[in-house]
């Protein structure tokens, strides 16, 4: 049975099932993996926005990152770390189509990390 998504989502990333699963997997990852993926997400989001010509200057990127960030907000799992919070805020502010593309890339990053860990365990 296919799950239906309505406009009444608890979290912004639950609108897209791929994005929702990618974020859940990221949330369940260890701190080091979360930071590494957050840094990669920031890079990927900037690259996508430059390709779409959304940003014309570095100041545009800085302003986009700063908008919506509340340093006092600590209720979400990704608010604990500023890098992770920045990456998630940038992802939230992307168009839905870009979020979907980035979600696939994010899922691949997490899977690659798990595969490397499994390979290392087998070598031992």
N, C-alpha and C. Protein backbone atom coordinates (compact mmCIF):
# COMPACT_ATOMS: atom_id res chain seq x y z
N UNK A 1 0.84 -1.18 0.00
CA UNK A 1 0.00 0.00 0.00
C UNK A 1 0.89 1.25 0.00
N UNK A 2 0.65 2.11 -0.94
CA UNK A 2 1.46 3.31 -1.08
C UNK A 2 1.02 4.36 -0.05
N UNK A 3 2.02 4.93 0.62
CA UNK A 3 1.73 5.94 1.63
C UNK A 3 1.43 7.26 0.95
N UNK A 4 0.37 7.91 1.36
CA UNK A 4 0.01 9.19 0.78
C UNK A 4 0.57 10.32 1.61
N UNK A 5 1.03 11.34 0.91
CA UNK A 5 1.59 12.51 1.59
C UNK A 5 0.65 13.68 1.36
N UNK A 6 0.34 14.37 2.41
CA UNK A 6 -0.55 15.52 2.32
C UNK A 6 0.26 16.77 2.67
N UNK A 7 -0.42 17.88 2.72
CA UNK A 7 0.25 19.13 3.10
C UNK A 7 0.49 19.21 4.60
N UNK A 8 -0.01 18.25 5.37
CA UNK A 8 0.12 18.25 6.82
C UNK A 8 1.28 17.35 7.25
N UNK A 9 2.51 17.74 6.95
CA UNK A 9 3.68 16.96 7.31
C UNK A 9 4.23 17.46 8.64
N UNK A 10 4.71 16.52 9.42
CA UNK A 10 5.30 16.90 10.70
C UNK A 10 6.62 17.62 10.49
N UNK A 11 7.41 17.14 9.55
CA UNK A 11 8.72 17.74 9.28
C UNK A 11 8.81 18.11 7.80
N UNK A 12 9.57 19.13 7.50
CA UNK A 12 9.66 19.63 6.13
C UNK A 12 10.19 18.58 5.16
N UNK A 13 11.03 17.69 5.62
CA UNK A 13 11.63 16.72 4.70
C UNK A 13 10.78 15.47 4.50
N UNK A 14 9.65 15.38 5.16
CA UNK A 14 8.77 14.22 4.99
C UNK A 14 7.90 14.30 3.74
N UNK A 15 7.91 15.44 3.06
CA UNK A 15 7.12 15.59 1.84
C UNK A 15 7.62 14.65 0.74
N UNK A 16 8.91 14.38 0.74
CA UNK A 16 9.53 13.52 -0.27
C UNK A 16 10.02 12.25 0.41
N UNK A 17 9.49 11.09 0.02
CA UNK A 17 9.89 9.85 0.71
C UNK A 17 11.38 9.54 0.61
N UNK A 18 12.00 9.87 -0.52
CA UNK A 18 13.44 9.63 -0.68
C UNK A 18 14.21 10.54 0.27
N UNK A 19 13.83 11.80 0.31
CA UNK A 19 14.49 12.75 1.21
C UNK A 19 14.27 12.36 2.66
N UNK A 20 13.06 11.96 2.99
CA UNK A 20 12.74 11.56 4.35
C UNK A 20 13.61 10.38 4.80
N UNK A 21 13.76 9.39 3.94
CA UNK A 21 14.57 8.22 4.28
C UNK A 21 16.06 8.59 4.38
N UNK A 22 16.51 9.45 3.47
CA UNK A 22 17.92 9.87 3.51
C UNK A 22 18.22 10.63 4.80
N UNK A 23 17.32 11.51 5.21
CA UNK A 23 17.52 12.27 6.45
C UNK A 23 17.46 11.33 7.65
N UNK A 24 16.55 10.36 7.64
CA UNK A 24 16.46 9.39 8.74
C UNK A 24 17.76 8.60 8.87
N UNK A 25 18.29 8.17 7.73
CA UNK A 25 19.55 7.42 7.74
C UNK A 25 20.68 8.30 8.26
N UNK A 26 20.70 9.56 7.83
CA UNK A 26 21.71 10.50 8.32
C UNK A 26 21.57 10.68 9.84
N UNK A 27 20.36 10.83 10.31
CA UNK A 27 20.12 11.00 11.75
C UNK A 27 20.63 9.81 12.55
N UNK A 28 20.49 8.62 12.00
CA UNK A 28 20.92 7.40 12.69
C UNK A 28 22.42 7.13 12.57
N UNK A 29 23.12 7.94 11.78
CA UNK A 29 24.56 7.76 11.59
C UNK A 29 25.34 8.32 12.76
N UNK A 30 26.60 7.91 12.86
CA UNK A 30 27.46 8.44 13.93
C UNK A 30 27.82 9.89 13.64
N UNK A 31 28.31 10.58 14.66
CA UNK A 31 28.61 12.02 14.56
C UNK A 31 29.59 12.33 13.44
N UNK A 32 30.64 11.54 13.32
CA UNK A 32 31.65 11.80 12.29
C UNK A 32 31.03 11.70 10.89
N UNK A 33 30.22 10.71 10.67
CA UNK A 33 29.55 10.55 9.37
C UNK A 33 28.61 11.71 9.11
N UNK A 34 27.86 12.13 10.13
CA UNK A 34 26.95 13.26 9.97
C UNK A 34 27.69 14.52 9.53
N UNK A 35 28.81 14.81 10.18
CA UNK A 35 29.58 16.02 9.84
C UNK A 35 30.14 15.92 8.43
N UNK A 36 30.71 14.77 8.09
CA UNK A 36 31.28 14.58 6.76
C UNK A 36 30.21 14.76 5.69
N UNK A 37 29.05 14.17 5.91
CA UNK A 37 27.97 14.28 4.93
C UNK A 37 27.42 15.71 4.90
N UNK A 38 27.34 16.36 6.05
CA UNK A 38 26.88 17.75 6.08
C UNK A 38 27.79 18.65 5.26
N UNK A 39 29.09 18.46 5.39
CA UNK A 39 30.04 19.26 4.59
C UNK A 39 29.86 18.98 3.10
N UNK A 40 29.67 17.71 2.75
CA UNK A 40 29.43 17.36 1.35
C UNK A 40 28.11 17.94 0.86
N UNK A 41 27.09 17.93 1.70
CA UNK A 41 25.80 18.51 1.33
C UNK A 41 25.92 20.00 1.03
N UNK A 42 26.64 20.70 1.88
CA UNK A 42 26.84 22.14 1.66
C UNK A 42 27.50 22.36 0.30
N UNK A 43 28.52 21.58 0.02
CA UNK A 43 29.22 21.70 -1.27
C UNK A 43 28.28 21.40 -2.43
N UNK A 44 27.52 20.32 -2.33
CA UNK A 44 26.61 19.92 -3.41
C UNK A 44 25.52 20.98 -3.62
N UNK A 45 24.95 21.48 -2.53
CA UNK A 45 23.89 22.48 -2.64
C UNK A 45 24.42 23.75 -3.29
N UNK A 46 25.60 24.18 -2.89
CA UNK A 46 26.20 25.37 -3.51
C UNK A 46 26.42 25.14 -5.00
N UNK A 47 26.95 23.96 -5.35
CA UNK A 47 27.18 23.65 -6.76
C UNK A 47 25.88 23.66 -7.56
N UNK A 48 24.81 23.08 -7.01
CA UNK A 48 23.52 23.07 -7.70
C UNK A 48 22.99 24.49 -7.87
N UNK A 49 23.13 25.31 -6.84
CA UNK A 49 22.62 26.67 -6.92
C UNK A 49 23.44 27.53 -7.87
N UNK A 50 24.73 27.26 -7.98
CA UNK A 50 25.56 27.99 -8.93
C UNK A 50 25.18 27.58 -10.35
N UNK A 51 24.98 26.26 -10.56
CA UNK A 51 24.56 25.78 -11.88
C UNK A 51 23.24 26.39 -12.30
N UNK A 52 22.31 26.53 -11.34
CA UNK A 52 21.00 27.11 -11.63
C UNK A 52 21.05 28.63 -11.67
N UNK A 53 22.23 29.19 -11.47
CA UNK A 53 22.46 30.64 -11.47
C UNK A 53 21.63 31.35 -10.42
N UNK A 54 21.34 30.65 -9.32
CA UNK A 54 20.61 31.27 -8.23
C UNK A 54 21.52 32.23 -7.46
N UNK A 55 22.81 31.87 -7.37
CA UNK A 55 23.78 32.71 -6.68
C UNK A 55 24.70 33.35 -7.71
N UNK A 56 24.93 34.64 -7.53
CA UNK A 56 25.84 35.35 -8.42
C UNK A 56 27.14 35.70 -7.72
N UNK A 57 27.12 35.72 -6.40
CA UNK A 57 28.31 36.10 -5.64
C UNK A 57 28.36 35.33 -4.33
N UNK A 58 29.53 35.33 -3.72
CA UNK A 58 29.70 34.65 -2.44
C UNK A 58 28.76 35.23 -1.39
N UNK A 59 28.50 36.53 -1.44
CA UNK A 59 27.60 37.16 -0.48
C UNK A 59 26.20 36.56 -0.57
N UNK A 60 25.76 36.21 -1.79
CA UNK A 60 24.45 35.59 -1.96
C UNK A 60 24.38 34.25 -1.23
N UNK A 61 25.46 33.49 -1.31
CA UNK A 61 25.52 32.19 -0.63
C UNK A 61 25.46 32.39 0.88
N UNK A 62 26.26 33.32 1.38
CA UNK A 62 26.31 33.59 2.82
C UNK A 62 24.95 34.05 3.32
N UNK A 63 24.29 34.93 2.58
CA UNK A 63 22.96 35.41 2.98
C UNK A 63 21.94 34.28 2.97
N UNK A 64 22.02 33.39 1.98
CA UNK A 64 21.08 32.27 1.90
C UNK A 64 21.28 31.31 3.07
N UNK A 65 22.53 31.10 3.44
CA UNK A 65 22.82 30.21 4.57
C UNK A 65 22.33 30.83 5.87
N UNK A 66 22.54 32.12 6.03
CA UNK A 66 22.17 32.79 7.28
C UNK A 66 20.68 32.96 7.47
N UNK A 67 19.92 33.01 6.37
CA UNK A 67 18.49 33.23 6.51
C UNK A 67 17.83 31.98 7.09
N UNK A 68 17.07 32.19 8.10
CA UNK A 68 16.36 31.08 8.72
C UNK A 68 17.11 30.39 9.83
N UNK A 69 18.39 30.72 10.03
CA UNK A 69 19.13 30.09 11.12
C UNK A 69 18.83 30.83 12.42
N UNK A 70 18.49 30.09 13.42
CA UNK A 70 18.23 30.64 14.75
C UNK A 70 19.19 29.96 15.71
N UNK A 71 20.18 30.70 16.18
CA UNK A 71 21.20 30.11 17.05
C UNK A 71 20.64 29.58 18.36
N UNK A 72 19.48 30.05 18.76
CA UNK A 72 18.89 29.59 20.02
C UNK A 72 18.02 28.34 19.84
N UNK A 73 17.77 27.96 18.61
CA UNK A 73 16.91 26.80 18.36
C UNK A 73 17.73 25.53 18.53
N UNK A 74 17.32 24.68 19.44
CA UNK A 74 18.06 23.45 19.71
C UNK A 74 17.15 22.24 19.80
N UNK A 75 15.91 22.33 19.31
CA UNK A 75 14.96 21.25 19.48
C UNK A 75 15.07 20.13 18.47
N UNK A 76 15.70 20.39 17.34
CA UNK A 76 15.79 19.36 16.30
C UNK A 76 17.10 18.61 16.44
N UNK A 77 17.13 17.37 15.98
CA UNK A 77 18.32 16.54 16.14
C UNK A 77 19.53 17.16 15.46
N UNK A 78 19.35 17.91 14.39
CA UNK A 78 20.48 18.48 13.67
C UNK A 78 20.89 19.87 14.16
N UNK A 79 20.21 20.38 15.18
CA UNK A 79 20.57 21.70 15.73
C UNK A 79 21.76 21.64 16.68
N UNK A 80 22.16 20.45 17.07
CA UNK A 80 23.25 20.31 18.04
C UNK A 80 24.57 20.78 17.45
N UNK A 81 24.79 20.54 16.16
CA UNK A 81 26.03 20.92 15.51
C UNK A 81 25.76 21.99 14.46
N UNK A 82 26.57 23.05 14.45
CA UNK A 82 26.32 24.17 13.54
C UNK A 82 26.52 23.79 12.07
N UNK A 83 27.47 22.90 11.77
CA UNK A 83 27.68 22.47 10.39
C UNK A 83 26.48 21.69 9.89
N UNK A 84 26.01 20.79 10.69
CA UNK A 84 24.85 19.98 10.33
C UNK A 84 23.61 20.85 10.20
N UNK A 85 23.44 21.79 11.13
CA UNK A 85 22.30 22.71 11.09
C UNK A 85 22.34 23.55 9.81
N UNK A 86 23.52 24.02 9.45
CA UNK A 86 23.66 24.83 8.23
C UNK A 86 23.30 24.01 6.99
N UNK A 87 23.81 22.78 6.92
CA UNK A 87 23.53 21.93 5.77
C UNK A 87 22.03 21.65 5.65
N UNK A 88 21.40 21.34 6.77
CA UNK A 88 19.97 21.03 6.73
C UNK A 88 19.15 22.27 6.40
N UNK A 89 19.56 23.43 6.88
CA UNK A 89 18.86 24.67 6.54
C UNK A 89 18.99 24.97 5.05
N UNK A 90 20.18 24.77 4.51
CA UNK A 90 20.38 24.99 3.08
C UNK A 90 19.52 24.02 2.27
N UNK A 91 19.47 22.78 2.70
CA UNK A 91 18.67 21.78 2.01
C UNK A 91 17.19 22.14 2.08
N UNK A 92 16.75 22.61 3.23
CA UNK A 92 15.35 22.99 3.40
C UNK A 92 14.97 24.13 2.46
N UNK A 93 15.90 25.03 2.20
CA UNK A 93 15.61 26.19 1.36
C UNK A 93 15.77 25.93 -0.13
N UNK A 94 16.15 24.71 -0.50
CA UNK A 94 16.25 24.35 -1.92
C UNK A 94 14.85 24.07 -2.48
N UNK A 95 14.69 24.25 -3.79
CA UNK A 95 13.43 23.84 -4.42
C UNK A 95 13.24 22.32 -4.26
N UNK A 96 11.99 21.87 -4.29
CA UNK A 96 11.68 20.45 -4.07
C UNK A 96 12.42 19.54 -5.05
N UNK A 97 12.53 19.95 -6.30
CA UNK A 97 13.22 19.12 -7.30
C UNK A 97 14.69 18.96 -6.94
N UNK A 98 15.32 20.03 -6.48
CA UNK A 98 16.72 19.98 -6.07
C UNK A 98 16.88 19.14 -4.82
N UNK A 99 15.93 19.26 -3.88
CA UNK A 99 15.97 18.44 -2.68
C UNK A 99 15.96 16.96 -3.03
N UNK A 100 15.14 16.59 -4.00
CA UNK A 100 15.02 15.18 -4.40
C UNK A 100 16.34 14.67 -4.98
N UNK A 101 16.97 15.47 -5.83
CA UNK A 101 18.25 15.10 -6.44
C UNK A 101 19.31 14.96 -5.35
N UNK A 102 19.36 15.93 -4.45
CA UNK A 102 20.35 15.93 -3.38
C UNK A 102 20.10 14.77 -2.42
N UNK A 103 18.83 14.43 -2.20
CA UNK A 103 18.50 13.30 -1.32
C UNK A 103 19.11 12.01 -1.84
N UNK A 104 19.05 11.82 -3.14
CA UNK A 104 19.65 10.62 -3.74
C UNK A 104 21.16 10.62 -3.53
N UNK A 105 21.79 11.77 -3.74
CA UNK A 105 23.23 11.88 -3.53
C UNK A 105 23.59 11.65 -2.06
N UNK A 106 22.77 12.19 -1.16
CA UNK A 106 23.00 12.02 0.27
C UNK A 106 22.87 10.55 0.65
N UNK A 107 21.87 9.88 0.13
CA UNK A 107 21.69 8.46 0.42
C UNK A 107 22.89 7.66 -0.08
N UNK A 108 23.40 8.00 -1.25
CA UNK A 108 24.58 7.31 -1.77
C UNK A 108 25.81 7.54 -0.90
N UNK A 109 25.95 8.76 -0.36
CA UNK A 109 27.08 9.05 0.53
C UNK A 109 27.02 8.18 1.78
N UNK A 110 25.83 8.06 2.36
CA UNK A 110 25.68 7.26 3.57
C UNK A 110 25.95 5.79 3.26
N UNK A 111 25.40 5.31 2.15
CA UNK A 111 25.63 3.92 1.76
C UNK A 111 27.11 3.63 1.51
N UNK A 112 27.79 4.57 0.86
CA UNK A 112 29.23 4.40 0.63
C UNK A 112 29.98 4.31 1.95
N UNK A 113 29.59 5.12 2.91
CA UNK A 113 30.23 5.11 4.23
C UNK A 113 30.03 3.75 4.90
N UNK A 114 28.80 3.23 4.85
CA UNK A 114 28.52 1.93 5.45
C UNK A 114 29.28 0.82 4.74
N UNK A 115 29.38 0.92 3.42
CA UNK A 115 30.10 -0.10 2.65
C UNK A 115 31.58 -0.11 3.03
N UNK A 116 32.18 1.08 3.17
CA UNK A 116 33.58 1.17 3.57
C UNK A 116 33.80 0.58 4.95
N UNK A 117 32.86 0.85 5.87
CA UNK A 117 32.97 0.29 7.22
C UNK A 117 32.89 -1.23 7.18
N UNK A 118 31.99 -1.78 6.36
CA UNK A 118 31.88 -3.24 6.23
C UNK A 118 33.15 -3.84 5.64
N UNK A 119 33.71 -3.18 4.63
CA UNK A 119 34.93 -3.65 4.00
C UNK A 119 36.09 -3.67 5.00
N UNK A 120 36.17 -2.63 5.83
CA UNK A 120 37.22 -2.55 6.84
C UNK A 120 37.06 -3.65 7.88
N UNK A 121 35.82 -3.95 8.25
CA UNK A 121 35.56 -5.02 9.24
C UNK A 121 35.96 -6.38 8.68
N UNK A 122 35.73 -6.61 7.39
CA UNK A 122 36.08 -7.88 6.77
C UNK A 122 37.58 -8.08 6.68
N UNK A 123 38.33 -6.98 6.54
CA UNK A 123 39.79 -7.07 6.45
C UNK A 123 40.42 -7.46 7.78
N UNK A 124 39.78 -7.14 8.87
CA UNK A 124 40.34 -7.39 10.20
C UNK A 124 40.29 -8.84 10.58
